[in-house]
N, C-alpha and C. Protein backbone atom coordinates (compact mmCIF):
# COMPACT_ATOMS: atom_id res chain seq x y z
N MET A 1 -17.11 8.55 -34.50
CA MET A 1 -18.15 9.46 -34.98
C MET A 1 -17.88 10.89 -34.55
N GLY A 2 -16.80 11.13 -33.85
CA GLY A 2 -16.47 12.47 -33.43
C GLY A 2 -17.21 12.92 -32.18
N PHE A 3 -18.09 12.10 -31.69
CA PHE A 3 -18.89 12.48 -30.52
C PHE A 3 -18.45 11.73 -29.27
N ILE A 4 -18.06 10.49 -29.45
CA ILE A 4 -17.68 9.66 -28.31
C ILE A 4 -16.16 9.59 -28.23
N ASN A 5 -15.65 10.02 -27.08
CA ASN A 5 -14.22 9.99 -26.82
C ASN A 5 -14.00 9.30 -25.49
N PRO A 6 -13.78 7.97 -25.48
CA PRO A 6 -13.66 7.26 -24.20
C PRO A 6 -12.45 7.73 -23.40
N MET A 7 -12.66 7.87 -22.11
CA MET A 7 -11.60 8.32 -21.20
C MET A 7 -11.18 7.12 -20.34
N VAL A 8 -10.34 6.30 -20.93
CA VAL A 8 -9.96 5.04 -20.31
C VAL A 8 -9.04 5.23 -19.11
N TYR A 9 -8.44 6.40 -18.96
CA TYR A 9 -7.55 6.63 -17.84
C TYR A 9 -8.26 6.58 -16.49
N VAL A 10 -9.59 6.57 -16.49
CA VAL A 10 -10.36 6.48 -15.25
C VAL A 10 -10.06 5.16 -14.53
N ILE A 11 -9.62 4.16 -15.27
CA ILE A 11 -9.31 2.86 -14.65
C ILE A 11 -8.14 2.97 -13.66
N PHE A 12 -7.33 3.99 -13.79
CA PHE A 12 -6.24 4.20 -12.83
C PHE A 12 -6.80 4.33 -11.41
N PHE A 13 -7.89 5.03 -11.25
CA PHE A 13 -8.48 5.24 -9.92
C PHE A 13 -9.05 3.95 -9.36
N TYR A 14 -9.39 3.04 -10.23
CA TYR A 14 -9.88 1.71 -9.83
C TYR A 14 -8.70 0.81 -9.43
N TRP A 15 -7.60 0.93 -10.15
CA TRP A 15 -6.46 0.04 -9.92
C TRP A 15 -5.50 0.51 -8.84
N TYR A 16 -5.56 1.73 -8.43
CA TYR A 16 -4.63 2.23 -7.43
C TYR A 16 -4.78 1.41 -6.15
N PRO A 17 -3.67 1.06 -5.48
CA PRO A 17 -3.75 0.22 -4.27
C PRO A 17 -4.66 0.84 -3.20
N ILE A 18 -5.43 0.00 -2.57
CA ILE A 18 -6.44 0.44 -1.61
C ILE A 18 -5.81 1.09 -0.39
N LYS A 19 -4.76 0.51 0.12
CA LYS A 19 -4.12 1.03 1.32
C LYS A 19 -2.94 1.94 1.01
N GLY A 20 -2.90 2.48 -0.21
CA GLY A 20 -1.82 3.36 -0.60
C GLY A 20 -1.92 4.71 0.09
N ASN A 21 -0.87 5.49 -0.01
CA ASN A 21 -0.82 6.82 0.59
C ASN A 21 -1.84 7.72 -0.11
N ARG A 22 -2.77 8.26 0.67
CA ARG A 22 -3.87 9.05 0.09
C ARG A 22 -3.37 10.39 -0.47
N ALA A 23 -2.44 11.04 0.20
CA ALA A 23 -1.93 12.32 -0.30
C ALA A 23 -1.20 12.12 -1.63
N LEU A 24 -0.41 11.08 -1.72
CA LEU A 24 0.29 10.77 -2.97
C LEU A 24 -0.71 10.45 -4.07
N PHE A 25 -1.76 9.74 -3.72
CA PHE A 25 -2.82 9.40 -4.68
C PHE A 25 -3.48 10.67 -5.24
N MET A 26 -3.75 11.63 -4.37
CA MET A 26 -4.37 12.88 -4.81
C MET A 26 -3.43 13.66 -5.73
N ILE A 27 -2.15 13.68 -5.40
CA ILE A 27 -1.18 14.39 -6.23
C ILE A 27 -1.05 13.71 -7.60
N ILE A 28 -0.96 12.39 -7.60
CA ILE A 28 -0.85 11.66 -8.86
C ILE A 28 -2.12 11.85 -9.69
N ALA A 29 -3.28 11.84 -9.05
CA ALA A 29 -4.54 12.04 -9.77
C ALA A 29 -4.57 13.42 -10.43
N PHE A 30 -4.14 14.43 -9.70
CA PHE A 30 -4.09 15.78 -10.28
C PHE A 30 -3.12 15.83 -11.45
N LEU A 31 -1.93 15.27 -11.26
CA LEU A 31 -0.93 15.31 -12.33
C LEU A 31 -1.40 14.53 -13.57
N LEU A 32 -2.04 13.40 -13.36
CA LEU A 32 -2.57 12.62 -14.48
C LEU A 32 -3.59 13.44 -15.26
N GLY A 33 -4.54 14.03 -14.55
CA GLY A 33 -5.53 14.86 -15.21
C GLY A 33 -4.91 16.08 -15.88
N PHE A 34 -3.94 16.69 -15.23
CA PHE A 34 -3.30 17.89 -15.78
C PHE A 34 -2.51 17.57 -17.05
N ILE A 35 -1.82 16.45 -17.05
CA ILE A 35 -1.07 16.05 -18.25
C ILE A 35 -2.02 15.76 -19.41
N ILE A 36 -3.13 15.11 -19.11
CA ILE A 36 -4.12 14.86 -20.16
C ILE A 36 -4.71 16.18 -20.66
N ASP A 37 -4.91 17.13 -19.74
CA ASP A 37 -5.41 18.45 -20.13
C ASP A 37 -4.44 19.18 -21.04
N ILE A 38 -3.17 19.08 -20.76
CA ILE A 38 -2.16 19.75 -21.58
C ILE A 38 -2.21 19.23 -23.02
N PHE A 39 -2.31 17.89 -23.15
CA PHE A 39 -2.29 17.31 -24.49
C PHE A 39 -3.63 17.41 -25.21
N SER A 40 -4.73 17.51 -24.47
CA SER A 40 -6.04 17.59 -25.13
C SER A 40 -6.62 19.00 -25.12
N ASP A 41 -5.92 19.95 -24.52
CA ASP A 41 -6.32 21.36 -24.49
C ASP A 41 -7.73 21.53 -23.92
N THR A 42 -7.94 21.02 -22.70
CA THR A 42 -9.25 21.07 -22.08
C THR A 42 -9.29 21.93 -20.82
N MET A 43 -8.35 22.81 -20.62
CA MET A 43 -8.37 23.82 -19.57
C MET A 43 -8.63 23.26 -18.16
N ALA A 44 -7.92 22.27 -17.75
CA ALA A 44 -7.95 21.71 -16.39
C ALA A 44 -9.25 20.99 -16.04
N LEU A 45 -10.06 20.63 -17.02
CA LEU A 45 -11.29 19.88 -16.75
C LEU A 45 -10.97 18.46 -16.29
N ASN A 46 -10.03 17.81 -16.95
CA ASN A 46 -9.64 16.46 -16.55
C ASN A 46 -9.00 16.47 -15.17
N ALA A 47 -8.22 17.47 -14.87
CA ALA A 47 -7.57 17.55 -13.57
C ALA A 47 -8.61 17.68 -12.45
N LEU A 48 -9.59 18.51 -12.65
CA LEU A 48 -10.63 18.69 -11.64
C LEU A 48 -11.47 17.42 -11.48
N ALA A 49 -11.86 16.81 -12.59
CA ALA A 49 -12.66 15.59 -12.52
C ALA A 49 -11.85 14.44 -11.89
N SER A 50 -10.58 14.34 -12.22
CA SER A 50 -9.72 13.30 -11.66
C SER A 50 -9.51 13.50 -10.16
N LEU A 51 -9.29 14.72 -9.77
CA LEU A 51 -9.10 15.02 -8.35
C LEU A 51 -10.38 14.72 -7.55
N THR A 52 -11.52 15.00 -8.13
CA THR A 52 -12.78 14.70 -7.46
C THR A 52 -12.98 13.20 -7.28
N ILE A 53 -12.66 12.43 -8.29
CA ILE A 53 -12.79 10.97 -8.19
C ILE A 53 -11.80 10.42 -7.16
N ALA A 54 -10.60 10.94 -7.15
CA ALA A 54 -9.61 10.48 -6.16
C ALA A 54 -10.08 10.80 -4.75
N TYR A 55 -10.69 11.95 -4.57
CA TYR A 55 -11.18 12.33 -3.25
C TYR A 55 -12.39 11.49 -2.83
N ALA A 56 -13.26 11.17 -3.78
CA ALA A 56 -14.49 10.44 -3.47
C ALA A 56 -14.31 8.93 -3.48
N ARG A 57 -13.16 8.44 -3.85
CA ARG A 57 -12.94 6.99 -3.97
C ARG A 57 -13.24 6.21 -2.69
N PRO A 58 -12.78 6.63 -1.51
CA PRO A 58 -13.11 5.86 -0.30
C PRO A 58 -14.62 5.77 -0.03
N VAL A 59 -15.33 6.83 -0.31
CA VAL A 59 -16.79 6.82 -0.11
C VAL A 59 -17.45 5.87 -1.10
N LEU A 60 -17.01 5.90 -2.34
CA LEU A 60 -17.56 5.01 -3.35
C LEU A 60 -17.25 3.55 -3.03
N MET A 61 -16.04 3.29 -2.54
CA MET A 61 -15.68 1.91 -2.19
C MET A 61 -16.49 1.43 -0.99
N ARG A 62 -16.71 2.30 -0.03
CA ARG A 62 -17.53 1.93 1.12
C ARG A 62 -18.96 1.65 0.69
N PHE A 63 -19.46 2.42 -0.28
CA PHE A 63 -20.81 2.21 -0.79
C PHE A 63 -20.91 0.88 -1.54
N CYS A 64 -19.91 0.54 -2.35
CA CYS A 64 -19.97 -0.67 -3.16
C CYS A 64 -19.61 -1.94 -2.40
N PHE A 65 -18.65 -1.85 -1.48
CA PHE A 65 -18.17 -3.05 -0.80
C PHE A 65 -18.61 -3.14 0.65
N GLY A 66 -19.20 -2.11 1.17
CA GLY A 66 -19.67 -2.13 2.55
C GLY A 66 -18.53 -2.05 3.54
N VAL A 67 -18.75 -2.66 4.71
CA VAL A 67 -17.74 -2.60 5.76
C VAL A 67 -16.54 -3.47 5.45
N ASN A 68 -16.64 -4.36 4.47
CA ASN A 68 -15.49 -5.20 4.10
C ASN A 68 -14.31 -4.35 3.64
N TYR A 69 -14.60 -3.19 3.10
CA TYR A 69 -13.55 -2.30 2.60
C TYR A 69 -12.65 -1.82 3.73
N GLU A 70 -13.16 -1.74 4.95
CA GLU A 70 -12.40 -1.21 6.08
C GLU A 70 -11.33 -2.17 6.61
N PHE A 71 -11.45 -3.46 6.31
CA PHE A 71 -10.54 -4.46 6.87
C PHE A 71 -9.19 -4.42 6.18
N GLN A 72 -8.16 -4.83 6.91
CA GLN A 72 -6.80 -4.82 6.39
C GLN A 72 -6.60 -5.83 5.27
N ASN A 73 -7.29 -6.96 5.32
CA ASN A 73 -7.07 -8.02 4.34
C ASN A 73 -8.04 -7.93 3.16
N PHE A 74 -8.63 -6.76 2.92
CA PHE A 74 -9.56 -6.59 1.81
C PHE A 74 -8.82 -6.71 0.49
N SER A 75 -9.44 -7.40 -0.46
CA SER A 75 -8.88 -7.55 -1.78
C SER A 75 -10.01 -7.59 -2.80
N PHE A 76 -9.74 -7.13 -4.00
CA PHE A 76 -10.75 -7.17 -5.05
C PHE A 76 -11.08 -8.61 -5.43
N LYS A 77 -10.18 -9.54 -5.16
CA LYS A 77 -10.43 -10.94 -5.48
C LYS A 77 -11.59 -11.51 -4.66
N ASN A 78 -11.83 -10.92 -3.48
CA ASN A 78 -12.89 -11.40 -2.60
C ASN A 78 -14.23 -10.75 -2.87
N THR A 79 -14.34 -9.97 -3.92
CA THR A 79 -15.59 -9.27 -4.23
C THR A 79 -16.22 -9.86 -5.48
N THR A 80 -17.48 -9.55 -5.68
CA THR A 80 -18.19 -10.06 -6.86
C THR A 80 -17.94 -9.13 -8.05
N ASN A 81 -18.21 -9.65 -9.22
CA ASN A 81 -18.05 -8.85 -10.44
C ASN A 81 -19.02 -7.67 -10.44
N ILE A 82 -20.21 -7.88 -9.90
CA ILE A 82 -21.21 -6.80 -9.85
C ILE A 82 -20.69 -5.64 -9.01
N GLN A 83 -20.07 -5.94 -7.88
CA GLN A 83 -19.53 -4.88 -7.02
C GLN A 83 -18.42 -4.11 -7.72
N ARG A 84 -17.56 -4.82 -8.42
CA ARG A 84 -16.45 -4.15 -9.12
C ARG A 84 -16.95 -3.28 -10.28
N VAL A 85 -17.90 -3.80 -11.04
CA VAL A 85 -18.45 -3.03 -12.16
C VAL A 85 -19.24 -1.83 -11.63
N THR A 86 -19.93 -2.00 -10.50
CA THR A 86 -20.66 -0.88 -9.91
C THR A 86 -19.70 0.23 -9.49
N LEU A 87 -18.60 -0.14 -8.86
CA LEU A 87 -17.60 0.86 -8.47
C LEU A 87 -17.05 1.59 -9.70
N LEU A 88 -16.71 0.84 -10.70
CA LEU A 88 -16.17 1.44 -11.93
C LEU A 88 -17.22 2.34 -12.60
N ALA A 89 -18.46 1.89 -12.62
CA ALA A 89 -19.53 2.68 -13.25
C ALA A 89 -19.77 3.98 -12.49
N LEU A 90 -19.74 3.93 -11.17
CA LEU A 90 -19.92 5.15 -10.38
C LEU A 90 -18.77 6.13 -10.59
N MET A 91 -17.56 5.60 -10.67
CA MET A 91 -16.41 6.46 -10.92
C MET A 91 -16.52 7.13 -12.29
N VAL A 92 -16.89 6.35 -13.29
CA VAL A 92 -17.03 6.89 -14.64
C VAL A 92 -18.16 7.91 -14.69
N LEU A 93 -19.28 7.60 -14.07
CA LEU A 93 -20.43 8.51 -14.08
C LEU A 93 -20.10 9.85 -13.43
N ILE A 94 -19.51 9.81 -12.25
CA ILE A 94 -19.16 11.05 -11.55
C ILE A 94 -18.11 11.84 -12.32
N HIS A 95 -17.10 11.14 -12.82
CA HIS A 95 -16.05 11.81 -13.60
C HIS A 95 -16.65 12.51 -14.81
N HIS A 96 -17.48 11.81 -15.56
CA HIS A 96 -18.04 12.37 -16.78
C HIS A 96 -19.05 13.48 -16.49
N LEU A 97 -19.81 13.34 -15.42
CA LEU A 97 -20.74 14.41 -15.06
C LEU A 97 -19.99 15.72 -14.77
N ILE A 98 -18.93 15.61 -14.01
CA ILE A 98 -18.14 16.80 -13.70
C ILE A 98 -17.47 17.35 -14.96
N PHE A 99 -16.87 16.47 -15.72
CA PHE A 99 -16.15 16.90 -16.91
C PHE A 99 -17.06 17.62 -17.90
N PHE A 100 -18.17 16.98 -18.28
CA PHE A 100 -19.04 17.56 -19.30
C PHE A 100 -19.87 18.72 -18.77
N SER A 101 -20.19 18.73 -17.48
CA SER A 101 -20.91 19.87 -16.93
C SER A 101 -20.04 21.12 -16.98
N LEU A 102 -18.76 20.97 -16.67
CA LEU A 102 -17.86 22.12 -16.72
C LEU A 102 -17.44 22.47 -18.15
N GLU A 103 -17.45 21.49 -19.03
CA GLU A 103 -17.11 21.77 -20.42
C GLU A 103 -18.21 22.61 -21.08
N ILE A 104 -19.46 22.25 -20.84
CA ILE A 104 -20.57 22.96 -21.47
C ILE A 104 -20.96 24.19 -20.64
N LEU A 105 -20.95 24.04 -19.32
CA LEU A 105 -21.15 25.14 -18.38
C LEU A 105 -22.45 25.92 -18.60
N SER A 106 -23.52 25.17 -18.85
CA SER A 106 -24.82 25.80 -19.02
C SER A 106 -25.91 24.79 -18.66
N ILE A 107 -26.75 25.17 -17.71
CA ILE A 107 -27.85 24.29 -17.31
C ILE A 107 -28.91 24.21 -18.40
N ALA A 108 -28.90 25.16 -19.32
CA ALA A 108 -29.86 25.13 -20.42
C ALA A 108 -29.59 23.97 -21.37
N HIS A 109 -28.37 23.46 -21.37
CA HIS A 109 -28.00 22.34 -22.24
C HIS A 109 -27.90 21.04 -21.46
N ILE A 110 -28.79 20.84 -20.52
CA ILE A 110 -28.73 19.64 -19.67
C ILE A 110 -28.89 18.35 -20.48
N LEU A 111 -29.71 18.38 -21.53
CA LEU A 111 -29.88 17.18 -22.34
C LEU A 111 -28.61 16.84 -23.11
N LEU A 112 -27.91 17.85 -23.58
CA LEU A 112 -26.64 17.62 -24.26
C LEU A 112 -25.61 17.06 -23.28
N ILE A 113 -25.58 17.59 -22.07
CA ILE A 113 -24.66 17.09 -21.04
C ILE A 113 -24.96 15.62 -20.76
N LEU A 114 -26.22 15.29 -20.53
CA LEU A 114 -26.60 13.90 -20.23
C LEU A 114 -26.32 12.97 -21.40
N LYS A 115 -26.56 13.46 -22.62
CA LYS A 115 -26.27 12.64 -23.80
C LYS A 115 -24.78 12.33 -23.89
N LYS A 116 -23.96 13.34 -23.66
CA LYS A 116 -22.51 13.12 -23.70
C LYS A 116 -22.05 12.21 -22.56
N VAL A 117 -22.60 12.42 -21.36
CA VAL A 117 -22.21 11.61 -20.21
C VAL A 117 -22.53 10.14 -20.45
N PHE A 118 -23.73 9.86 -20.90
CA PHE A 118 -24.11 8.47 -21.06
C PHE A 118 -23.48 7.81 -22.28
N ALA A 119 -23.36 8.53 -23.39
CA ALA A 119 -22.73 7.93 -24.57
C ALA A 119 -21.26 7.64 -24.31
N THR A 120 -20.54 8.63 -23.83
CA THR A 120 -19.12 8.45 -23.55
C THR A 120 -18.92 7.52 -22.36
N GLY A 121 -19.80 7.62 -21.37
CA GLY A 121 -19.69 6.78 -20.17
C GLY A 121 -19.86 5.30 -20.46
N ILE A 122 -20.80 4.95 -21.32
CA ILE A 122 -21.02 3.54 -21.64
C ILE A 122 -19.81 2.97 -22.36
N VAL A 123 -19.28 3.71 -23.33
CA VAL A 123 -18.09 3.24 -24.06
C VAL A 123 -16.89 3.16 -23.13
N THR A 124 -16.72 4.15 -22.28
CA THR A 124 -15.62 4.13 -21.31
C THR A 124 -15.75 2.95 -20.36
N LEU A 125 -16.96 2.71 -19.85
CA LEU A 125 -17.18 1.59 -18.93
C LEU A 125 -16.90 0.26 -19.59
N ILE A 126 -17.33 0.09 -20.82
CA ILE A 126 -17.07 -1.17 -21.54
C ILE A 126 -15.58 -1.38 -21.73
N LEU A 127 -14.87 -0.34 -22.18
CA LEU A 127 -13.43 -0.48 -22.39
C LEU A 127 -12.68 -0.71 -21.07
N CYS A 128 -13.06 0.01 -20.01
CA CYS A 128 -12.40 -0.18 -18.72
C CYS A 128 -12.67 -1.58 -18.16
N THR A 129 -13.87 -2.08 -18.35
CA THR A 129 -14.20 -3.43 -17.89
C THR A 129 -13.39 -4.47 -18.67
N LEU A 130 -13.26 -4.26 -19.98
CA LEU A 130 -12.45 -5.17 -20.79
C LEU A 130 -10.98 -5.13 -20.36
N PHE A 131 -10.44 -3.94 -20.18
CA PHE A 131 -9.05 -3.84 -19.73
C PHE A 131 -8.86 -4.45 -18.36
N SER A 132 -9.83 -4.24 -17.49
CA SER A 132 -9.74 -4.80 -16.15
C SER A 132 -9.75 -6.31 -16.16
N SER A 133 -10.58 -6.89 -17.02
CA SER A 133 -10.64 -8.35 -17.09
C SER A 133 -9.41 -8.93 -17.81
N LEU A 134 -8.88 -8.17 -18.77
CA LEU A 134 -7.70 -8.66 -19.50
C LEU A 134 -6.44 -8.64 -18.64
N PHE A 135 -6.28 -7.59 -17.85
CA PHE A 135 -5.05 -7.40 -17.11
C PHE A 135 -5.15 -7.74 -15.63
N SER A 136 -6.21 -8.39 -15.23
CA SER A 136 -6.33 -8.79 -13.82
C SER A 136 -5.61 -10.12 -13.63
N PRO A 137 -5.05 -10.32 -12.43
CA PRO A 137 -4.36 -11.58 -12.17
C PRO A 137 -5.37 -12.72 -12.13
N LYS A 138 -4.99 -13.83 -12.71
CA LYS A 138 -5.87 -14.99 -12.77
C LYS A 138 -5.94 -15.66 -11.40
N SER A 139 -7.15 -15.99 -10.98
CA SER A 139 -7.31 -16.70 -9.71
C SER A 139 -7.20 -18.19 -9.98
N GLU A 140 -6.53 -18.89 -9.08
CA GLU A 140 -6.28 -20.32 -9.29
C GLU A 140 -7.21 -21.15 -8.47
């Protein structure tokens, strides 16, 4: 419809290894957003939103998974589907809020910002959840 443009690349922040190098993660997040900005001509909006999600990921994981996230043997296999979808939804919501707020850059258009965030966010969340369930390793 020309209004909804799902940003499925947000699933990268969900799939990145938990105990991976944080500095490398931040650099990769910036480069991912910057490359998407180059091809979509969005003036570094994706880079900023991606960098923010990469920076906030440990806080979001601690919020969704509690103290279990701090342990060395933590795995997504040991969590519930609700916790995983909540993490993904929070990442999508924060990413889209930052992206569309900076794209429109006017508090007078708050309803337009919220409409875009929720319309695009719901489609993005559905697609990311589908991809996550399709490409996740099967538990035996």
